[in-house]
Amino acid sequence: MRLDPNDPVVVSATFGRQVEQFLNSDIGVYLVRVAKDQSDAATEKLKLADPYNPTVIANLQHDIRVAESVVGWLADAVRAGQQALEQLEEE
């Protein structure tokens, strides 16, 4: 069977594999580590934040969401790629 490189399923499988390889690279490992460290640091600050200062709390929550989002987006891309690959293998 010959795969069409423009098929959205093939594109998704290829992209997912590229993201997976990126995550295993030195840069990918670094970015995931920094995102986790940033989220952890903001979470610790949030625990000690003045409960009557909504601006500080909102800013810390934002920092946590951004850091977690980066890792989540990458994980979503890998997961979608794996699902696409499974779909191609079934065909």
Protein backbone atom coordinates (compact mmCIF):
# COMPACT_ATOMS: atom_id res chain seq x y z
CA MET A 1 0.00 0.00 0.00
CA ARG A 2 1.36 3.43 -0.97
CA LEU A 3 0.62 6.28 1.43
CA ASP A 4 -0.49 9.69 0.20
CA PRO A 5 1.71 12.26 2.00
CA ASN A 6 -1.15 14.79 1.73
CA ASP A 7 -3.67 12.51 3.47
CA PRO A 8 -4.60 14.22 6.77
CA VAL A 9 -4.14 10.94 8.65
CA VAL A 10 -0.62 10.54 7.24
CA VAL A 11 0.14 14.19 8.04
CA SER A 12 -1.07 13.70 11.63
CA ALA A 13 0.93 10.48 12.07
CA THR A 14 4.06 12.13 10.68
CA PHE A 15 3.66 15.24 12.81
CA GLY A 16 3.06 13.18 15.94
CA ARG A 17 6.26 11.25 15.27
CA GLN A 18 8.19 14.50 14.74
CA VAL A 19 6.91 15.87 18.06
CA GLU A 20 7.83 12.61 19.78
CA GLN A 21 11.37 12.82 18.38
CA PHE A 22 11.56 16.48 19.43
CA LEU A 23 10.50 15.59 22.98
CA ASN A 24 13.28 13.01 23.14
CA SER A 25 15.86 15.54 21.95
CA ASP A 26 17.95 17.65 24.32
CA ILE A 27 15.84 20.72 23.49
CA GLY A 28 12.55 18.89 24.08
CA VAL A 29 13.72 17.44 27.39
CA TYR A 30 14.90 20.91 28.44
CA LEU A 31 11.60 22.62 27.52
CA VAL A 32 9.49 20.04 29.34
CA ARG A 33 11.73 20.30 32.41
CA VAL A 34 11.59 24.11 32.42
CA ALA A 35 7.80 24.08 31.99
CA LYS A 36 7.44 21.65 34.91
CA ASP A 37 9.84 23.69 37.06
CA GLN A 38 7.91 26.89 36.26
CA SER A 39 4.59 25.24 37.10
CA ASP A 40 5.98 23.80 40.34
CA ALA A 41 7.49 27.15 41.38
CA ALA A 42 4.25 29.02 40.69
CA THR A 43 2.27 26.37 42.59
CA GLU A 44 4.54 26.78 45.62
CA LYS A 45 4.14 30.59 45.46
CA LEU A 46 0.37 30.17 45.13
CA LYS A 47 0.29 28.16 48.36
CA LEU A 48 1.83 31.11 50.19
CA ALA A 49 0.05 33.91 48.32
CA ASP A 50 -2.04 36.44 50.18
CA PRO A 51 -5.60 35.14 49.76
CA TYR A 52 -6.83 38.73 49.61
CA ASN A 53 -4.66 39.66 46.63
CA PRO A 54 -6.57 38.46 43.56
CA THR A 55 -4.04 39.94 41.13
CA VAL A 56 -1.17 37.87 42.52
CA ILE A 57 -3.33 34.74 42.59
CA ALA A 58 -4.53 35.28 39.02
CA ASN A 59 -0.98 35.85 37.77
CA LEU A 60 0.30 32.69 39.44
CA GLN A 61 -2.63 30.66 38.10
CA HIS A 62 -1.86 32.03 34.64
CA ASP A 63 1.80 30.99 34.95
CA ILE A 64 0.74 27.48 35.95
CA ARG A 65 -1.74 27.20 33.06
CA VAL A 66 0.79 28.37 30.49
CA ALA A 67 3.47 25.95 31.66
CA GLU A 68 1.03 23.04 31.77
CA SER A 69 -0.45 23.98 28.38
CA VAL A 70 2.89 23.70 26.60
CA VAL A 71 3.39 20.15 27.83
CA GLY A 72 -0.27 19.34 27.12
CA TRP A 73 -0.10 20.59 23.53
CA LEU A 74 2.94 18.45 22.85
CA ALA A 75 1.33 15.41 24.46
CA ASP A 76 -1.84 15.96 22.42
CA ALA A 77 0.17 16.04 19.20
CA VAL A 78 1.93 12.78 20.07
CA ARG A 79 -1.36 11.14 21.05
CA ALA A 80 -3.08 12.27 17.83
CA GLY A 81 -0.14 10.97 15.82
CA GLN A 82 -0.29 7.60 17.54
CA GLN A 83 -4.02 7.36 16.87
CA ALA A 84 -3.46 8.25 13.22
CA LEU A 85 -0.74 5.61 12.96
CA GLU A 86 -3.08 3.00 14.44
CA GLN A 87 -5.72 4.01 11.91
CA LEU A 88 -3.24 3.62 9.05
CA GLU A 89 -2.17 0.20 10.33
CA GLU A 90 -5.81 -0.95 10.35
CA GLU A 91 -6.32 0.05 6.72
